[in-house]
C-alpha cells in the first residue's frame, strides 16, 4: 500500500510540475496571437521543454503503476495531483484558497488512503 502511495505522490508531483512549467511558459510567451512568433516563444523556451520532460517521466511512471497495480486502485490516485496543484497555486501564484476547497482536499486525501487499503 505505501509503495503505491509513494509512486502516486511521485507521479502526481511530476504532473503538477509539468503543468506549472506550462503556466510559466504561457506567461513568458506574452499575449496570445495566432503567429509563428508567439508559438516559437511558447514552445522554444526552457519552461515548455522542461514541461515536456516532466510529461514523459509522468507517462512512464503511470505505465509502471498500471502494470503493477489494479486500475481501480491506481486511477483514483491521480486525484493527489489536485492536492498538490492547489498547494502549488498557493505557493507559486499566491492564490487565496477558501476553506471549502481545503475540506475538499481533505476528502480527496482520505479517499486515496481508503482506496489504497
PDB file of N, CA and C in Angstrom:
ATOM      1  N   UNK A   1       0.815  -1.188   0.000  1.00  0.00           N
ATOM      2  CA  UNK A   1       0.000   0.000   0.000  1.00  0.00           C
ATOM      3  C   UNK A   1       0.865   1.261   0.000  1.00  0.00           C
ATOM      4  N   UNK A   2       1.873   1.309   0.865  1.00  0.00           N
ATOM      5  CA  UNK A   2       2.704   2.511   0.969  1.00  0.00           C
ATOM      6  C   UNK A   2       3.524   2.742  -0.286  1.00  0.00           C
ATOM      7  N   UNK A   3       3.888   1.647  -0.952  1.00  0.00           N
ATOM      8  CA  UNK A   3       4.635   1.793  -2.210  1.00  0.00           C
ATOM      9  C   UNK A   3       3.756   2.452  -3.279  1.00  0.00           C
ATOM     10  N   UNK A   4       2.496   2.033  -3.338  1.00  0.00           N
ATOM     11  CA  UNK A   4       1.569   2.632  -4.290  1.00  0.00           C
ATOM     12  C   UNK A   4       1.381   4.116  -3.983  1.00  0.00           C
ATOM     13  N   UNK A   5       1.222   4.458  -2.725  1.00  0.00           N
ATOM     14  CA  UNK A   5       1.047   5.864  -2.350  1.00  0.00           C
ATOM     15  C   UNK A   5       2.292   6.667  -2.710  1.00  0.00           C
ATOM     16  N   UNK A   6       3.471   6.100  -2.458  1.00  0.00           N
ATOM     17  CA  UNK A   6       4.715   6.802  -2.809  1.00  0.00           C
ATOM     18  C   UNK A   6       4.818   7.017  -4.319  1.00  0.00           C
ATOM     19  N   UNK A   7       4.488   5.991  -5.103  1.00  0.00           N
ATOM     20  CA  UNK A   7       4.504   6.127  -6.563  1.00  0.00           C
ATOM     21  C   UNK A   7       3.484   7.154  -7.028  1.00  0.00           C
ATOM     22  N   UNK A   8       2.301   7.116  -6.441  1.00  0.00           N
ATOM     23  CA  UNK A   8       1.248   8.068  -6.826  1.00  0.00           C
ATOM     24  C   UNK A   8       1.657   9.494  -6.475  1.00  0.00           C
ATOM     25  N   UNK A   9       2.305   9.674  -5.336  1.00  0.00           N
ATOM     26  CA  UNK A   9       2.783  11.009  -4.956  1.00  0.00           C
ATOM     27  C   UNK A   9       3.849  11.495  -5.936  1.00  0.00           C
ATOM     28  N   UNK A  10       4.759  10.613  -6.319  1.00  0.00           N
ATOM     29  CA  UNK A  10       5.799  10.974  -7.284  1.00  0.00           C
ATOM     30  C   UNK A  10       5.214  11.313  -8.644  1.00  0.00           C
ATOM     31  N   UNK A  11       4.290  10.486  -9.093  1.00  0.00           N
ATOM     32  CA  UNK A  11       3.653  10.722 -10.392  1.00  0.00           C
ATOM     33  C   UNK A  11       2.848  12.014 -10.367  1.00  0.00           C
ATOM     34  N   UNK A  12       2.148  12.262  -9.287  1.00  0.00           N
ATOM     35  CA  UNK A  12       1.361  13.495  -9.167  1.00  0.00           C
ATOM     36  C   UNK A  12       2.264  14.720  -9.104  1.00  0.00           C
ATOM     37  N   UNK A  13       3.381  14.612  -8.405  1.00  0.00           N
ATOM     38  CA  UNK A  13       4.322  15.733  -8.340  1.00  0.00           C
ATOM     39  C   UNK A  13       4.880  16.055  -9.720  1.00  0.00           C
ATOM     40  N   UNK A  14       5.193  15.030 -10.497  1.00  0.00           N
ATOM     41  CA  UNK A  14       5.670  15.253 -11.865  1.00  0.00           C
ATOM     42  C   UNK A  14       4.586  15.896 -12.727  1.00  0.00           C
ATOM     43  N   UNK A  15       3.346  15.443 -12.558  1.00  0.00           N
ATOM     44  CA  UNK A  15       2.241  16.005 -13.331  1.00  0.00           C
ATOM     45  C   UNK A  15       2.036  17.482 -12.998  1.00  0.00           C
ATOM     46  N   UNK A  16       2.083  17.816 -11.713  1.00  0.00           N
ATOM     47  CA  UNK A  16       1.913  19.209 -11.306  1.00  0.00           C
ATOM     48  C   UNK A  16       3.094  20.049 -11.796  1.00  0.00           C
ATOM     49  N   UNK A  17       4.305  19.504 -11.726  1.00  0.00           N
ATOM     50  CA  UNK A  17       5.472  20.228 -12.246  1.00  0.00           C
ATOM     51  C   UNK A  17       5.309  20.506 -13.728  1.00  0.00           C
ATOM     52  N   UNK A  18       4.815  19.531 -14.466  1.00  0.00           N
ATOM     53  CA  UNK A  18       4.566  19.698 -15.903  1.00  0.00           C
ATOM     54  C   UNK A  18       3.610  20.855 -16.140  1.00  0.00           C
ATOM     55  N   UNK A  19       2.524  20.901 -15.392  1.00  0.00           N
ATOM     56  CA  UNK A  19       1.525  21.939 -15.602  1.00  0.00           C
ATOM     57  C   UNK A  19       1.995  23.306 -15.109  1.00  0.00           C
ATOM     58  N   UNK A  20       2.780  23.331 -14.041  1.00  0.00           N
ATOM     59  CA  UNK A  20       3.356  24.604 -13.587  1.00  0.00           C
ATOM     60  C   UNK A  20       4.293  25.174 -14.646  1.00  0.00           C
ATOM     61  N   UNK A  21       5.119  24.320 -15.218  1.00  0.00           N
ATOM     62  CA  UNK A  21       6.038  24.773 -16.254  1.00  0.00           C
ATOM     63  C   UNK A  21       5.279  25.276 -17.484  1.00  0.00           C
ATOM     64  N   UNK A  22       4.156  24.637 -17.807  1.00  0.00           N
ATOM     65  CA  UNK A  22       3.335  25.123 -18.917  1.00  0.00           C
ATOM     66  C   UNK A  22       2.785  26.511 -18.615  1.00  0.00           C
ATOM     67  N   UNK A  23       2.348  26.734 -17.389  1.00  0.00           N
ATOM     68  CA  UNK A  23       1.827  28.046 -16.994  1.00  0.00           C
ATOM     69  C   UNK A  23       2.928  29.104 -17.103  1.00  0.00           C
ATOM     70  N   UNK A  24       4.139  28.770 -16.632  1.00  0.00           N
ATOM     71  CA  UNK A  24       5.258  29.712 -16.741  1.00  0.00           C
ATOM     72  C   UNK A  24       5.603  29.979 -18.209  1.00  0.00           C
ATOM     73  N   UNK A  25       5.543  28.946 -19.045  1.00  0.00           N
ATOM     74  CA  UNK A  25       5.815  29.127 -20.476  1.00  0.00           C
ATOM     75  C   UNK A  25       4.783  30.064 -21.103  1.00  0.00           C
ATOM     76  N   UNK A  26       3.526  29.902 -20.725  1.00  0.00           N
ATOM     77  CA  UNK A  26       2.477  30.792 -21.243  1.00  0.00           C
ATOM     78  C   UNK A  26       2.699  32.226 -20.790  1.00  0.00           C
ATOM     79  N   UNK A  27       3.102  32.404 -19.553  1.00  0.00           N
ATOM     80  CA  UNK A  27       3.349  33.753 -19.042  1.00  0.00           C
ATOM     81  C   UNK A  27       4.522  34.400 -19.780  1.00  0.00           C
ATOM     82  N   UNK A  28       5.512  33.605 -20.102  1.00  0.00           N
ATOM     83  CA  UNK A  28       6.697  34.127 -20.788  1.00  0.00           C
ATOM     84  C   UNK A  28       6.441  34.428 -22.268  1.00  0.00           C
ATOM     85  N   UNK A  29       5.494  33.711 -22.863  1.00  0.00           N
ATOM     86  CA  UNK A  29       5.215  33.877 -24.290  1.00  0.00           C
ATOM     87  C   UNK A  29       4.493  35.187 -24.593  1.00  0.00           C
ATOM     88  N   UNK A  30       3.955  35.841 -23.602  1.00  0.00           N
ATOM     89  CA  UNK A  30       3.270  37.106 -23.821  1.00  0.00           C
ATOM     90  C   UNK A  30       1.832  36.916 -24.253  1.00  0.00           C
ATOM     91  N   UNK A  31       1.234  38.002 -24.678  1.00  0.00           N
ATOM     92  CA  UNK A  31      -0.163  37.985 -25.115  1.00  0.00           C
ATOM     93  C   UNK A  31      -0.325  37.037 -26.296  1.00  0.00           C
ATOM     94  N   UNK A  32      -1.359  36.194 -26.238  1.00  0.00           N
ATOM     95  CA  UNK A  32      -1.566  35.200 -27.291  1.00  0.00           C
ATOM     96  C   UNK A  32      -1.849  35.873 -28.628  1.00  0.00           C
ATOM     97  N   UNK A  33      -1.265  35.306 -29.667  1.00  0.00           N
ATOM     98  CA  UNK A  33      -1.516  35.754 -31.035  1.00  0.00           C
ATOM     99  C   UNK A  33      -1.346  34.558 -31.965  1.00  0.00           C
ATOM    100  N   UNK A  34      -2.153  34.498 -32.999  1.00  0.00           N
ATOM    101  CA  UNK A  34      -2.025  33.439 -33.994  1.00  0.00           C
ATOM    102  C   UNK A  34      -0.867  33.796 -34.930  1.00  0.00           C
ATOM    103  N   UNK A  35       0.342  33.661 -34.382  1.00  0.00           N
ATOM    104  CA  UNK A  35       1.514  33.990 -35.194  1.00  0.00           C
ATOM    105  C   UNK A  35       2.613  32.976 -34.902  1.00  0.00           C
ATOM    106  N   UNK A  36       3.512  32.828 -35.871  1.00  0.00           N
ATOM    107  CA  UNK A  36       4.648  31.926 -35.682  1.00  0.00           C
ATOM    108  C   UNK A  36       5.522  32.414 -34.538  1.00  0.00           C
ATOM    109  N   UNK A  37       5.640  33.712 -34.389  1.00  0.00           N
ATOM    110  CA  UNK A  37       6.480  34.278 -33.326  1.00  0.00           C
ATOM    111  C   UNK A  37       5.962  33.873 -31.950  1.00  0.00           C
ATOM    112  N   UNK A  38       4.638  33.929 -31.759  1.00  0.00           N
ATOM    113  CA  UNK A  38       4.095  33.552 -30.454  1.00  0.00           C
ATOM    114  C   UNK A  38       4.329  32.074 -30.182  1.00  0.00           C
ATOM    115  N   UNK A  39       4.048  31.227 -31.168  1.00  0.00           N
ATOM    116  CA  UNK A  39       4.233  29.788 -30.978  1.00  0.00           C
ATOM    117  C   UNK A  39       5.704  29.455 -30.738  1.00  0.00           C
ATOM    118  N   UNK A  40       6.587  30.159 -31.399  1.00  0.00           N
ATOM    119  CA  UNK A  40       8.013  29.945 -31.164  1.00  0.00           C
ATOM    120  C   UNK A  40       8.366  30.324 -29.723  1.00  0.00           C
ATOM    121  N   UNK A  41       7.898  31.490 -29.262  1.00  0.00           N
ATOM    122  CA  UNK A  41       8.175  31.915 -27.888  1.00  0.00           C
ATOM    123  C   UNK A  41       7.610  30.923 -26.878  1.00  0.00           C
ATOM    124  N   UNK A  42       6.465  30.334 -27.205  1.00  0.00           N
ATOM    125  CA  UNK A  42       5.837  29.384 -26.286  1.00  0.00           C
ATOM    126  C   UNK A  42       6.582  28.055 -26.239  1.00  0.00           C
ATOM    127  N   UNK A  43       6.842  27.475 -27.406  1.00  0.00           N
ATOM    128  CA  UNK A  43       7.416  26.127 -27.442  1.00  0.00           C
ATOM    129  C   UNK A  43       8.930  26.093 -27.291  1.00  0.00           C
ATOM    130  N   UNK A  44       9.609  27.151 -27.661  1.00  0.00           N
ATOM    131  CA  UNK A  44      11.079  27.138 -27.650  1.00  0.00           C
ATOM    132  C   UNK A  44      11.625  27.895 -26.444  1.00  0.00           C
ATOM    133  N   UNK A  45      11.080  27.598 -25.270  1.00  0.00           N
ATOM    134  CA  UNK A  45      11.672  28.177 -24.069  1.00  0.00           C
ATOM    135  C   UNK A  45      11.898  27.076 -23.046  1.00  0.00           C
ATOM    136  N   UNK A  46      12.725  27.357 -22.099  1.00  0.00           N
ATOM    137  CA  UNK A  46      13.129  26.370 -21.090  1.00  0.00           C
ATOM    138  C   UNK A  46      11.921  25.756 -20.385  1.00  0.00           C
ATOM    139  N   UNK A  47      10.924  26.565 -20.077  1.00  0.00           N
ATOM    140  CA  UNK A  47       9.785  26.072 -19.313  1.00  0.00           C
ATOM    141  C   UNK A  47       8.998  25.010 -20.080  1.00  0.00           C
ATOM    142  N   UNK A  48       8.762  25.244 -21.352  1.00  0.00           N
ATOM    143  CA  UNK A  48       7.996  24.280 -22.132  1.00  0.00           C
ATOM    144  C   UNK A  48       8.804  23.007 -22.390  1.00  0.00           C
ATOM    145  N   UNK A  49      10.092  23.157 -22.606  1.00  0.00           N
ATOM    146  CA  UNK A  49      10.952  21.982 -22.785  1.00  0.00           C
ATOM    147  C   UNK A  49      10.972  21.158 -21.498  1.00  0.00           C
ATOM    148  N   UNK A  50      11.089  21.835 -20.353  1.00  0.00           N
ATOM    149  CA  UNK A  50      11.038  21.145 -19.061  1.00  0.00           C
ATOM    150  C   UNK A  50       9.702  20.466 -18.838  1.00  0.00           C
ATOM    151  N   UNK A  51       8.626  21.113 -19.281  1.00  0.00           N
ATOM    152  CA  UNK A  51       7.304  20.525 -19.160  1.00  0.00           C
ATOM    153  C   UNK A  51       7.218  19.217 -19.954  1.00  0.00           C
ATOM    154  N   UNK A  52       7.777  19.224 -21.149  1.00  0.00           N
ATOM    155  CA  UNK A  52       7.776  18.007 -21.961  1.00  0.00           C
ATOM    156  C   UNK A  52       8.548  16.878 -21.301  1.00  0.00           C
ATOM    157  N   UNK A  53       9.664  17.204 -20.672  1.00  0.00           N
ATOM    158  CA  UNK A  53      10.457  16.188 -19.973  1.00  0.00           C
ATOM    159  C   UNK A  53       9.694  15.646 -18.766  1.00  0.00           C
ATOM    160  N   UNK A  54       9.030  16.521 -18.032  1.00  0.00           N
ATOM    161  CA  UNK A  54       8.221  16.076 -16.893  1.00  0.00           C
ATOM    162  C   UNK A  54       7.057  15.208 -17.363  1.00  0.00           C
ATOM    163  N   UNK A  55       6.463  15.589 -18.485  1.00  0.00           N
ATOM    164  CA  UNK A  55       5.348  14.808 -19.012  1.00  0.00           C
ATOM    165  C   UNK A  55       5.799  13.397 -19.391  1.00  0.00           C
ATOM    166  N   UNK A  56       6.969  13.279 -20.002  1.00  0.00           N
ATOM    167  CA  UNK A  56       7.493  11.956 -20.367  1.00  0.00           C
ATOM    168  C   UNK A  56       7.731  11.108 -19.119  1.00  0.00           C
ATOM    169  N   UNK A  57       8.314  11.713 -18.090  1.00  0.00           N
ATOM    170  CA  UNK A  57       8.563  10.984 -16.844  1.00  0.00           C
ATOM    171  C   UNK A  57       7.242  10.585 -16.187  1.00  0.00           C
ATOM    172  N   UNK A  58       6.256  11.476 -16.248  1.00  0.00           N
ATOM    173  CA  UNK A  58       4.934  11.176 -15.697  1.00  0.00           C
ATOM    174  C   UNK A  58       4.312   9.987 -16.414  1.00  0.00           C
ATOM    175  N   UNK A  59       4.425   9.968 -17.729  1.00  0.00           N
ATOM    176  CA  UNK A  59       3.840   8.878 -18.516  1.00  0.00           C
ATOM    177  C   UNK A  59       4.489   7.536 -18.169  1.00  0.00           C
ATOM    178  N   UNK A  60       5.807   7.513 -18.038  1.00  0.00           N
ATOM    179  CA  UNK A  60       6.476   6.253 -17.696  1.00  0.00           C
ATOM    180  C   UNK A  60       6.121   5.790 -16.293  1.00  0.00           C
ATOM    181  N   UNK A  61       6.010   6.716 -15.367  1.00  0.00           N
ATOM    182  CA  UNK A  61       5.594   6.371 -14.006  1.00  0.00           C
ATOM    183  C   UNK A  61       4.174   5.814 -14.015  1.00  0.00           C
ATOM    184  N   UNK A  62       3.295   6.447 -14.780  1.00  0.00           N
ATOM    185  CA  UNK A  62       1.916   5.988 -14.899  1.00  0.00           C
ATOM    186  C   UNK A  62       1.860   4.576 -15.473  1.00  0.00           C
ATOM    187  N   UNK A  63       2.634   4.313 -16.510  1.00  0.00           N
ATOM    188  CA  UNK A  63       2.641   2.978 -17.113  1.00  0.00           C
ATOM    189  C   UNK A  63       3.147   1.929 -16.129  1.00  0.00           C
ATOM    190  N   UNK A  64       4.156   2.270 -15.355  1.00  0.00           N
ATOM    191  CA  UNK A  64       4.672   1.352 -14.332  1.00  0.00           C
ATOM    192  C   UNK A  64       3.586   1.033 -13.309  1.00  0.00           C
ATOM    193  N   UNK A  65       2.876   2.068 -12.864  1.00  0.00           N
ATOM    194  CA  UNK A  65       1.815   1.854 -11.883  1.00  0.00           C
ATOM    195  C   UNK A  65       0.693   0.993 -12.454  1.00  0.00           C
ATOM    196  N   UNK A  66       0.326   1.250 -13.719  1.00  0.00           N
ATOM    197  CA  UNK A  66      -0.716   0.450 -14.351  1.00  0.00           C
ATOM    198  C   UNK A  66      -0.332  -1.023 -14.455  1.00  0.00           C
ATOM    199  N   UNK A  67       0.939  -1.273 -14.717  1.00  0.00           N
ATOM    200  CA  UNK A  67       1.423  -2.649 -14.858  1.00  0.00           C
ATOM    201  C   UNK A  67       1.398  -3.407 -13.528  1.00  0.00           C
ATOM    202  N   UNK A  68       1.696  -2.709 -12.437  1.00  0.00           N
ATOM    203  CA  UNK A  68       1.896  -3.370 -11.142  1.00  0.00           C
ATOM    204  C   UNK A  68       0.676  -3.410 -10.227  1.00  0.00           C
ATOM    205  N   UNK A  69      -0.300  -2.534 -10.457  1.00  0.00           N
ATOM    206  CA  UNK A  69      -1.425  -2.425  -9.533  1.00  0.00           C
ATOM    207  C   UNK A  69      -2.746  -2.445 -10.294  1.00  0.00           C
ATOM    208  N   UNK A  70      -3.826  -2.803  -9.602  1.00  0.00           N
ATOM    209  CA  UNK A  70      -5.145  -2.795 -10.263  1.00  0.00           C
ATOM    210  C   UNK A  70      -5.544  -1.377 -10.678  1.00  0.00           C
ATOM    211  N   UNK A  71      -6.180  -1.283 -11.824  1.00  0.00           N
ATOM    212  CA  UNK A  71      -6.618   0.001 -12.363  1.00  0.00           C
ATOM    213  C   UNK A  71      -7.553   0.721 -11.382  1.00  0.00           C
ATOM    214  N   UNK A  72      -8.398  -0.056 -10.697  1.00  0.00           N
ATOM    215  CA  UNK A  72      -9.354   0.539  -9.753  1.00  0.00           C
ATOM    216  C   UNK A  72      -8.665   1.180  -8.553  1.00  0.00           C
ATOM    217  N   UNK A  73      -7.405   0.830  -8.308  1.00  0.00           N
ATOM    218  CA  UNK A  73      -6.640   1.473  -7.235  1.00  0.00           C
ATOM    219  C   UNK A  73      -5.799   2.626  -7.773  1.00  0.00           C
ATOM    220  N   UNK A  74      -5.237   2.431  -8.952  1.00  0.00           N
ATOM    221  CA  UNK A  74      -4.293   3.402  -9.500  1.00  0.00           C
ATOM    222  C   UNK A  74      -4.993   4.664  -9.992  1.00  0.00           C
ATOM    223  N   UNK A  75      -6.078   4.498 -10.713  1.00  0.00           N
ATOM    224  CA  UNK A  75      -6.707   5.667 -11.332  1.00  0.00           C
ATOM    225  C   UNK A  75      -7.170   6.720 -10.321  1.00  0.00           C
ATOM    226  N   UNK A  76      -7.820   6.331  -9.239  1.00  0.00           N
ATOM    227  CA  UNK A  76      -8.222   7.355  -8.268  1.00  0.00           C
ATOM    228  C   UNK A  76      -7.036   8.075  -7.620  1.00  0.00           C
ATOM    229  N   UNK A  77      -5.868   7.458  -7.640  1.00  0.00           N
ATOM    230  CA  UNK A  77      -4.690   8.091  -7.054  1.00  0.00           C
ATOM    231  C   UNK A  77      -4.260   9.339  -7.833  1.00  0.00           C
ATOM    232  N   UNK A  78      -4.723   9.460  -9.076  1.00  0.00           N
ATOM    233  CA  UNK A  78      -4.435  10.673  -9.847  1.00  0.00           C
ATOM    234  C   UNK A  78      -4.961  11.924  -9.150  1.00  0.00           C
ATOM    235  N   UNK A  79      -5.960  11.741  -8.302  1.00  0.00           N
ATOM    236  CA  UNK A  79      -6.548  12.897  -7.623  1.00  0.00           C
ATOM    237  C   UNK A  79      -5.574  13.547  -6.644  1.00  0.00           C
ATOM    238  N   UNK A  80      -4.486  12.870  -6.310  1.00  0.00           N
ATOM    239  CA  UNK A  80      -3.459  13.507  -5.472  1.00  0.00           C
ATOM    240  C   UNK A  80      -2.868  14.730  -6.172  1.00  0.00           C
ATOM    241  N   UNK A  81      -2.912  14.738  -7.489  1.00  0.00           N
ATOM    242  CA  UNK A  81      -2.424  15.903  -8.235  1.00  0.00           C
ATOM    243  C   UNK A  81      -3.275  17.135  -7.930  1.00  0.00           C
ATOM    244  N   UNK A  82      -4.563  16.949  -7.635  1.00  0.00           N
ATOM    245  CA  UNK A  82      -5.405  18.085  -7.261  1.00  0.00           C
ATOM    246  C   UNK A  82      -4.894  18.733  -5.975  1.00  0.00           C
ATOM    247  N   UNK A  83      -4.506  17.886  -5.032  1.00  0.00           N
ATOM    248  CA  UNK A  83      -3.990  18.377  -3.759  1.00  0.00           C
ATOM    249  C   UNK A  83      -2.718  19.183  -4.001  1.00  0.00           C
ATOM    250  N   UNK A  84      -1.790  18.589  -4.723  1.00  0.00           N
ATOM    251  CA  UNK A  84      -0.519  19.260  -4.988  1.00  0.00           C
ATOM    252  C   UNK A  84      -0.708  20.510  -5.848  1.00  0.00           C
ATOM    253  N   UNK A  85      -1.632  20.436  -6.781  1.00  0.00           N
ATOM    254  CA  UNK A  85      -1.896  21.588  -7.633  1.00  0.00           C
ATOM    255  C   UNK A  85      -2.411  22.777  -6.843  1.00  0.00           C
ATOM    256  N   UNK A  86      -3.260  22.521  -5.873  1.00  0.00           N
ATOM    257  CA  UNK A  86      -3.783  23.619  -5.067  1.00  0.00           C
ATOM    258  C   UNK A  86      -2.681  24.227  -4.201  1.00  0.00           C
ATOM    259  N   UNK A  87      -1.840  23.390  -3.632  1.00  0.00           N
ATOM    260  CA  UNK A  87      -0.719  23.900  -2.837  1.00  0.00           C
ATOM    261  C   UNK A  87       0.231  24.696  -3.738  1.00  0.00           C
ATOM    262  N   UNK A  88       0.488  24.202  -4.940  1.00  0.00           N
ATOM    263  CA  UNK A  88       1.360  24.907  -5.888  1.00  0.00           C
ATOM    264  C   UNK A  88       0.764  26.257  -6.281  1.00  0.00           C
ATOM    265  N   UNK A  89      -0.548  26.319  -6.466  1.00  0.00           N
ATOM    266  CA  UNK A  89      -1.207  27.589  -6.812  1.00  0.00           C
ATOM    267  C   UNK A  89      -1.010  28.611  -5.695  1.00  0.00           C
ATOM    268  N   UNK A  90      -1.055  28.121  -4.469  1.00  0.00           N
ATOM    269  CA  UNK A  90      -0.867  28.992  -3.322  1.00  0.00           C
ATOM    270  C   UNK A  90       0.583  29.487  -3.233  1.00  0.00           C
ATOM    271  N   UNK A  91       1.531  28.593  -3.460  1.00  0.00           N
ATOM    272  CA  UNK A  91       2.948  28.933  -3.318  1.00  0.00           C
ATOM    273  C   UNK A  91       3.451  29.776  -4.487  1.00  0.00           C
ATOM    274  N   UNK A  92       3.190  29.340  -5.704  1.00  0.00           N
ATOM    275  CA  UNK A  92       3.785  29.984  -6.879  1.00  0.00           C
ATOM    276  C   UNK A  92       2.996  31.178  -7.406  1.00  0.00           C
ATOM    277  N   UNK A  93       1.670  31.138  -7.239  1.00  0.00           N
ATOM    278  CA  UNK A  93       0.842  32.198  -7.812  1.00  0.00           C
ATOM    279  C   UNK A  93       0.126  33.026  -6.754  1.00  0.00           C
ATOM    280  N   UNK A  94       0.386  32.717  -5.492  1.00  0.00           N
ATOM    281  CA  UNK A  94      -0.155  33.458  -4.350  1.00  0.00           C
ATOM    282  C   UNK A  94      -1.683  33.550  -4.384  1.00  0.00           C
ATOM    283  N   UNK A  95      -2.304  32.443  -4.773  1.00  0.00           N
ATOM    284  CA  UNK A  95      -3.763  32.397  -4.823  1.00  0.00           C
ATOM    285  C   UNK A  95      -4.321  32.158  -3.418  1.00  0.00           C
ATOM    286  N   UNK A  96      -5.464  32.746  -3.146  1.00  0.00           N
ATOM    287  CA  UNK A  96      -6.158  32.544  -1.875  1.00  0.00           C
ATOM    288  C   UNK A  96      -7.052  31.311  -2.004  1.00  0.00           C
ATOM    289  N   UNK A  97      -6.927  30.382  -1.064  1.00  0.00           N
ATOM    290  CA  UNK A  97      -7.688  29.133  -1.114  1.00  0.00           C
ATOM    291  C   UNK A  97      -8.764  29.175  -0.029  1.00  0.00           C
ATOM    292  N   UNK A  98     -10.046  29.126  -0.413  1.00  0.00           N
ATOM    293  CA  UNK A  98     -11.106  29.157   0.601  1.00  0.00           C
ATOM    294  C   UNK A  98     -11.192  27.846   1.387  1.00  0.00           C
ATOM    295  N   UNK A  99     -11.829  27.919   2.540  1.00  0.00           N
ATOM    296  CA  UNK A  99     -11.951  26.769   3.434  1.00  0.00           C
ATOM    297  C   UNK A  99     -12.649  25.600   2.747  1.00  0.00           C
ATOM    298  N   UNK A 100     -13.640  25.874   1.926  1.00  0.00           N
ATOM    299  CA  UNK A 100     -14.366  24.782   1.263  1.00  0.00           C
ATOM    300  C   UNK A 100     -13.444  23.939   0.387  1.00  0.00           C
ATOM    301  N   UNK A 101     -12.461  24.566  -0.247  1.00  0.00           N
ATOM    302  CA  UNK A 101     -11.504  23.792  -1.056  1.00  0.00           C
ATOM    303  C   UNK A 101     -10.600  22.952  -0.175  1.00  0.00           C
ATOM    304  N   UNK A 102     -10.225  23.482   0.992  1.00  0.00           N
ATOM    305  CA  UNK A 102      -9.400  22.686   1.907  1.00  0.00           C
ATOM    306  C   UNK A 102     -10.166  21.463   2.410  1.00  0.00           C
ATOM    307  N   UNK A 103     -11.452  21.624   2.636  1.00  0.00           N
ATOM    308  CA  UNK A 103     -12.288  20.485   3.034  1.00  0.00           C
ATOM    309  C   UNK A 103     -12.307  19.458   1.899  1.00  0.00           C
ATOM    310  N   UNK A 104     -12.459  19.919   0.676  1.00  0.00           N
ATOM    311  CA  UNK A 104     -12.423  19.020  -0.475  1.00  0.00           C
ATOM    312  C   UNK A 104     -11.107  18.284  -0.586  1.00  0.00           C
ATOM    313  N   UNK A 105     -10.014  18.987  -0.333  1.00  0.00           N
ATOM    314  CA  UNK A 105      -8.686  18.365  -0.373  1.00  0.00           C
ATOM    315  C   UNK A 105      -8.577  17.278   0.697  1.00  0.00           C
ATOM    316  N   UNK A 106      -9.083  17.563   1.893  1.00  0.00           N
ATOM    317  CA  UNK A 106      -9.051  16.558   2.972  1.00  0.00           C
ATOM    318  C   UNK A 106      -9.839  15.314   2.573  1.00  0.00           C
ATOM    319  N   UNK A 107     -10.975  15.509   1.925  1.00  0.00           N
ATOM    320  CA  UNK A 107     -11.776  14.365   1.482  1.00  0.00           C
ATOM    321  C   UNK A 107     -11.056  13.569   0.396  1.00  0.00           C
ATOM    322  N   UNK A 108     -10.388  14.254  -0.516  1.00  0.00           N
ATOM    323  CA  UNK A 108      -9.622  13.568  -1.557  1.00  0.00           C
ATOM    324  C   UNK A 108      -8.522  12.720  -0.925  1.00  0.00           C
ATOM    325  N   UNK A 109      -7.796  13.289   0.022  1.00  0.00           N
ATOM    326  CA  UNK A 109      -6.711  12.550   0.670  1.00  0.00           C
ATOM    327  C   UNK A 109      -7.246  11.339   1.440  1.00  0.00           C
ATOM    328  N   UNK A 110      -8.359  11.515   2.129  1.00  0.00           N
ATOM    329  CA  UNK A 110      -8.963  10.389   2.851  1.00  0.00           C
ATOM    330  C   UNK A 110      -9.397   9.303   1.867  1.00  0.00           C
ATOM    331  N   UNK A 111      -9.959   9.694   0.759  1.00  0.00           N
ATOM    332  CA  UNK A 111     -10.370   8.729  -0.258  1.00  0.00           C
ATOM    333  C   UNK A 111      -9.198   7.940  -0.809  1.00  0.00           C
ATOM    334  N   UNK A 112      -8.085   8.603  -1.042  1.00  0.00           N
ATOM    335  CA  UNK A 112      -6.890   7.918  -1.564  1.00  0.00           C
ATOM    336  C   UNK A 112      -6.378   6.884  -0.558  1.00  0.00           C
ATOM    337  N   UNK A 113      -6.403   7.245   0.707  1.00  0.00           N
ATOM    338  CA  UNK A 113      -5.962   6.298   1.741  1.00  0.00           C
ATOM    339  C   UNK A 113      -6.895   5.092   1.784  1.00  0.00           C
ATOM    340  N   UNK A 114      -8.198   5.323   1.721  1.00  0.00           N
ATOM    341  CA  UNK A 114      -9.160   4.218   1.733  1.00  0.00           C
ATOM    342  C   UNK A 114      -9.006   3.330   0.505  1.00  0.00           C
ATOM    343  N   UNK A 115      -8.762   3.911  -0.644  1.00  0.00           N
ATOM    344  CA  UNK A 115      -8.619   3.131  -1.877  1.00  0.00           C
ATOM    345  C   UNK A 115      -7.365   2.274  -1.837  1.00  0.00           C
ATOM    346  N   UNK A 116      -6.288   2.808  -1.275  1.00  0.00           N
ATOM    347  CA  UNK A 116      -5.019   2.083  -1.249  1.00  0.00           C
ATOM    348  C   UNK A 116      -5.030   0.906  -0.273  1.00  0.00           C
ATOM    349  N   UNK A 117      -5.963   0.882   0.629  1.00  0.00           N
ATOM    350  CA  UNK A 117      -6.021  -0.209   1.633  1.00  0.00           C
ATOM    351  C   UNK A 117      -6.465  -1.459   1.026  1.00  0.00           C
TER     352      UNK A 117
END
